[in-house]
Protein backbone atom coordinates (compact mmCIF):
# COMPACT_ATOMS: atom_id res chain seq x y z
CA MET A 1 11.69 5.77 -11.30
CA LEU A 2 12.17 2.50 -9.44
CA ARG A 3 15.71 1.20 -9.52
CA PRO A 4 16.64 -2.48 -9.24
CA SER A 5 18.18 -3.64 -6.00
CA ARG A 6 21.28 -5.80 -6.30
CA ARG A 7 20.47 -7.53 -3.04
CA TRP A 8 16.81 -8.33 -3.72
CA GLY A 9 16.78 -8.73 -7.50
CA SER A 10 15.49 -6.68 -10.37
CA ARG A 11 12.00 -6.00 -8.98
CA PRO A 12 11.93 -3.93 -5.78
CA GLU A 13 9.34 -4.07 -3.05
CA HIS A 14 7.35 -0.95 -2.27
CA GLY A 15 5.60 0.25 0.86
CA THR A 16 3.25 3.17 1.34
CA LEU A 17 1.97 4.56 4.61
CA GLY A 18 -1.04 6.81 4.28
CA ASP A 19 -4.79 7.14 4.62
CA ALA A 20 -5.47 7.00 0.84
CA ARG A 21 -7.41 10.24 0.95
CA THR A 22 -7.19 12.35 -2.18
CA ASN A 23 -8.21 15.75 -0.75
CA MET A 24 -10.74 15.80 -3.59
CA SER A 25 -7.99 15.43 -6.21
CA ASP A 26 -7.44 12.82 -8.91
CA PRO A 27 -6.37 9.55 -7.20
CA ASN A 28 -3.94 8.93 -10.10
CA LEU A 29 -4.71 5.22 -10.34
CA PRO A 30 -2.45 4.80 -13.42
CA ALA A 31 0.57 5.79 -11.29
CA VAL A 32 -0.34 3.28 -8.58
CA ARG A 33 -0.91 0.61 -11.25
CA ASP A 34 2.53 1.41 -12.73
CA VAL A 35 4.24 0.98 -9.34
CA ALA A 36 2.34 -2.28 -8.77
CA GLU A 37 3.44 -3.64 -12.15
CA ARG A 38 7.10 -2.70 -11.62
CA ALA A 39 7.45 -3.93 -8.04
CA CYS A 40 7.48 -7.55 -6.96
CA ARG A 41 5.23 -6.64 -4.01
CA VAL A 42 3.41 -3.54 -2.87
CA HIS A 43 1.95 -3.09 0.61
CA TRP A 44 -0.09 -0.06 1.63
CA LEU A 45 -0.40 0.49 5.38
CA ASN A 46 -3.53 2.52 6.05
CA PRO A 47 -3.88 4.07 9.53
CA GLU A 48 -7.64 4.56 9.15
CA PRO A 49 -10.17 1.97 10.32
CA ARG A 50 -11.28 -0.26 7.46
CA THR A 51 -14.85 0.91 8.07
CA LEU A 52 -13.85 4.40 6.85
CA TRP A 53 -12.24 3.23 3.62
CA GLY A 54 -14.28 4.53 0.73
CA THR A 55 -15.97 7.30 2.72
CA GLY A 56 -15.61 10.97 1.84
CA ASP A 57 -12.55 11.47 -0.36
CA SER A 58 -11.00 8.08 0.47
CA ALA A 59 -9.74 6.20 -2.59
CA ALA A 60 -8.76 3.20 -0.44
CA PRO A 61 -11.06 0.70 -2.21
CA GLU A 62 -9.72 1.76 -5.61
CA TYR A 63 -6.11 1.52 -4.45
CA ALA A 64 -6.80 -1.79 -2.66
CA ALA A 65 -7.96 -3.22 -5.98
CA LEU A 66 -4.43 -2.60 -7.28
CA VAL A 67 -2.18 -3.26 -4.26
CA ALA A 68 -2.36 -5.06 -0.93
CA MET A 69 -3.84 -2.61 1.57
CA HIS A 70 -3.67 -3.32 5.30
CA GLU A 71 -5.30 -1.55 8.22
CA CYS A 72 -2.36 -0.59 10.41
CA ARG A 73 -3.35 1.74 13.23
CA ASN A 74 -1.14 0.60 16.10
CA ALA A 75 1.93 -1.43 17.05
CA ARG A 76 -0.08 -4.64 17.47
CA GLN A 77 -1.47 -4.45 13.94
CA LEU A 78 1.99 -3.61 12.60
CA GLY A 79 3.52 -6.57 14.44
CA ASP A 80 0.81 -8.92 13.16
CA LEU A 81 1.38 -7.71 9.61
CA ILE A 82 5.14 -8.15 9.84
CA ALA A 83 4.66 -11.65 11.25
CA ARG A 84 2.44 -12.56 8.28
CA LEU A 85 4.76 -11.07 5.67
CA LEU A 86 8.17 -12.22 6.88
CA PRO A 87 9.23 -15.82 6.57
CA VAL A 88 10.24 -16.94 10.06
């Protein structure tokens, strides 16, 4: 269960790091939808190239329809993402 943060308000932010592969299991989209509805922002950092999203057992396109998914394979991509997300 997500708990409110006193510092950031009643709706927490959520981050996931993973390739969005299901290993041929149920992708459990209702659970991802529930997290997205409870959090003020959700960012999924996917270490796979965008060209592989949706191949094999990847549920990346389905998850990306629910939350913001970002290709994040190296320090440069991570730095670019942080620069876009943080107000500076």
